[in-house]
Each structure stands twice: as C-alpha cells, then as structure tokens.
Amino acid sequence: MKKLAFLVASGLMASAAYPAFAETTLTVNVSAPKPSTMYKAMFKPWMAEVEKATQGRVKIFAPAASLAPSPRQWDITAKGVADVAMTANTWQRKRL
C-alpha cells in the first residue's frame, strides 16, 4: 500500500511540475478496470482533486481501456502516449 501511495504521489508531483496555462489535459493511463475498487476509490477521487486543486486548469482524461499492460506503464509515459500512469517497482527493477 505504501508503494501505491508513493506512485500516486509521484504522478501528482510530476503533473504539477509543468505549468498549467489556459487549460491542460493530462492523459492518465490506469491499468485497473474502471469498475474496480482501485479505480473508484483511488484514481477517480485523485482525478477530481487535481481538477479542483487547479481550479479546472488541469483536466484529466482516462481512456476507456488501458493503453498498455501493467508492466509497460513506464514505457508509455516515456514515449508520451500517456502523461501519467501507475507502475509497480517490481516491473521496473532495472530502471529504479
């Protein structure tokens, strides 16, 4: 759970590192299905909080389906396919 909280916080900090001008839309890839508890209890509230904290200057777009399997989350953010994604340290052993 600590790793999950760290990753979510890291994503929030990374998204805050870029100035939000008139309106910025971040693509957030979530490998968990939208009906899942993880999505409903963690991602959905986080997305709403980002929009609230930025007074609507930052919008969050979450695709209907995951853009890549869980082990490839790092790759899709590095390639610009998604702006924010959650990954686990176990899938990134050689990178972290």
Protein backbone atom coordinates (compact mmCIF):
# COMPACT_ATOMS: atom_id res chain seq x y z
CA MET A 1 0.00 0.00 0.00
CA LYS A 2 2.91 2.35 0.72
CA LYS A 3 4.30 1.75 -2.76
CA LEU A 4 0.91 2.51 -4.28
CA ALA A 5 0.61 5.75 -2.33
CA PHE A 6 4.15 6.69 -3.35
CA LEU A 7 3.41 6.08 -7.03
CA VAL A 8 0.22 8.11 -6.96
CA ALA A 9 2.00 10.95 -5.16
CA SER A 10 4.82 10.76 -7.69
CA GLY A 11 2.35 11.07 -10.54
CA LEU A 12 0.75 14.08 -8.89
CA MET A 13 4.11 15.76 -8.38
CA ALA A 14 5.15 15.01 -11.94
CA SER A 15 1.96 16.50 -13.30
CA ALA A 16 2.43 19.57 -11.09
CA ALA A 17 5.94 20.13 -12.45
CA TYR A 18 4.56 21.54 -15.68
CA PRO A 19 2.84 24.91 -15.57
CA ALA A 20 -0.86 24.79 -16.40
CA PHE A 21 -1.73 27.58 -18.76
CA ALA A 22 -5.26 28.18 -20.04
CA GLU A 23 -6.16 24.52 -19.87
CA THR A 24 -4.04 21.40 -19.79
CA THR A 25 -5.38 17.92 -20.33
CA LEU A 26 -3.39 15.04 -18.90
CA THR A 27 -3.91 11.54 -20.22
CA VAL A 28 -3.87 9.20 -17.26
CA ASN A 29 -3.50 5.54 -18.05
CA VAL A 30 -4.98 3.23 -15.45
CA SER A 31 -4.38 -0.46 -15.98
CA ALA A 32 -7.11 -1.32 -13.47
CA PRO A 33 -10.60 -1.61 -15.00
CA LYS A 34 -12.94 1.32 -14.32
CA PRO A 35 -15.42 -0.82 -12.34
CA SER A 36 -12.62 -1.93 -9.97
CA THR A 37 -12.33 -0.75 -6.39
CA MET A 38 -8.84 0.59 -7.10
CA TYR A 39 -10.13 2.86 -9.86
CA LYS A 40 -13.22 4.03 -7.94
CA ALA A 41 -11.51 4.51 -4.57
CA MET A 42 -8.15 5.89 -5.66
CA PHE A 43 -7.96 7.16 -9.23
CA LYS A 44 -11.38 8.74 -9.61
CA PRO A 45 -11.04 10.84 -6.41
CA TRP A 46 -7.44 11.78 -7.35
CA MET A 47 -8.54 12.97 -10.79
CA ALA A 48 -11.32 15.06 -9.27
CA GLU A 49 -8.90 16.52 -6.72
CA VAL A 50 -6.40 17.53 -9.44
CA GLU A 51 -9.13 19.40 -11.30
CA LYS A 52 -10.33 21.02 -8.09
CA ALA A 53 -6.84 21.99 -6.90
CA THR A 54 -6.03 23.59 -10.25
CA GLN A 55 -9.39 25.35 -10.42
CA GLY A 56 -10.18 23.47 -13.63
CA ARG A 57 -6.98 24.48 -15.44
CA VAL A 58 -5.87 20.84 -15.50
CA LYS A 59 -8.32 18.30 -16.85
CA ILE A 60 -7.81 14.56 -16.61
CA PHE A 61 -8.61 12.20 -19.46
CA ALA A 62 -8.71 8.50 -18.65
CA PRO A 63 -9.14 6.29 -21.74
CA ALA A 64 -11.94 3.71 -21.65
CA ALA A 65 -9.40 0.88 -21.70
CA SER A 66 -5.77 0.65 -20.63
CA LEU A 67 -3.30 1.80 -23.27
CA ALA A 68 -0.78 -0.88 -22.25
CA PRO A 69 -0.47 -3.81 -19.86
CA SER A 70 0.73 -3.05 -16.33
CA PRO A 71 4.43 -3.89 -16.91
CA ARG A 72 4.61 -1.36 -19.80
CA GLN A 73 3.26 1.70 -17.96
CA TRP A 74 6.72 3.27 -17.68
CA ASP A 75 7.29 2.84 -21.42
CA ILE A 76 4.07 4.53 -22.48
CA THR A 77 4.73 7.57 -20.30
CA ALA A 78 8.33 7.80 -21.52
CA LYS A 79 7.08 7.70 -25.13
CA GLY A 80 4.40 10.32 -24.50
CA VAL A 81 1.46 8.01 -25.09
CA ALA A 82 0.21 8.87 -21.58
CA ASP A 83 1.19 11.73 -19.29
CA VAL A 84 0.63 9.85 -16.03
CA ALA A 85 0.49 6.13 -15.27
CA MET A 86 0.85 3.88 -12.28
CA THR A 87 3.53 1.23 -12.21
CA ALA A 88 4.97 -1.10 -9.60
CA ASN A 89 8.63 -1.18 -8.65
CA THR A 90 8.72 -4.92 -9.33
CA TRP A 91 8.18 -4.27 -13.04
CA GLN A 92 10.94 -1.66 -13.17
CA ARG A 93 13.79 -3.42 -11.32
CA LYS A 94 16.45 -2.42 -13.84
CA ARG A 95 15.26 1.20 -14.01
CA LEU A 96 14.83 2.08 -10.36
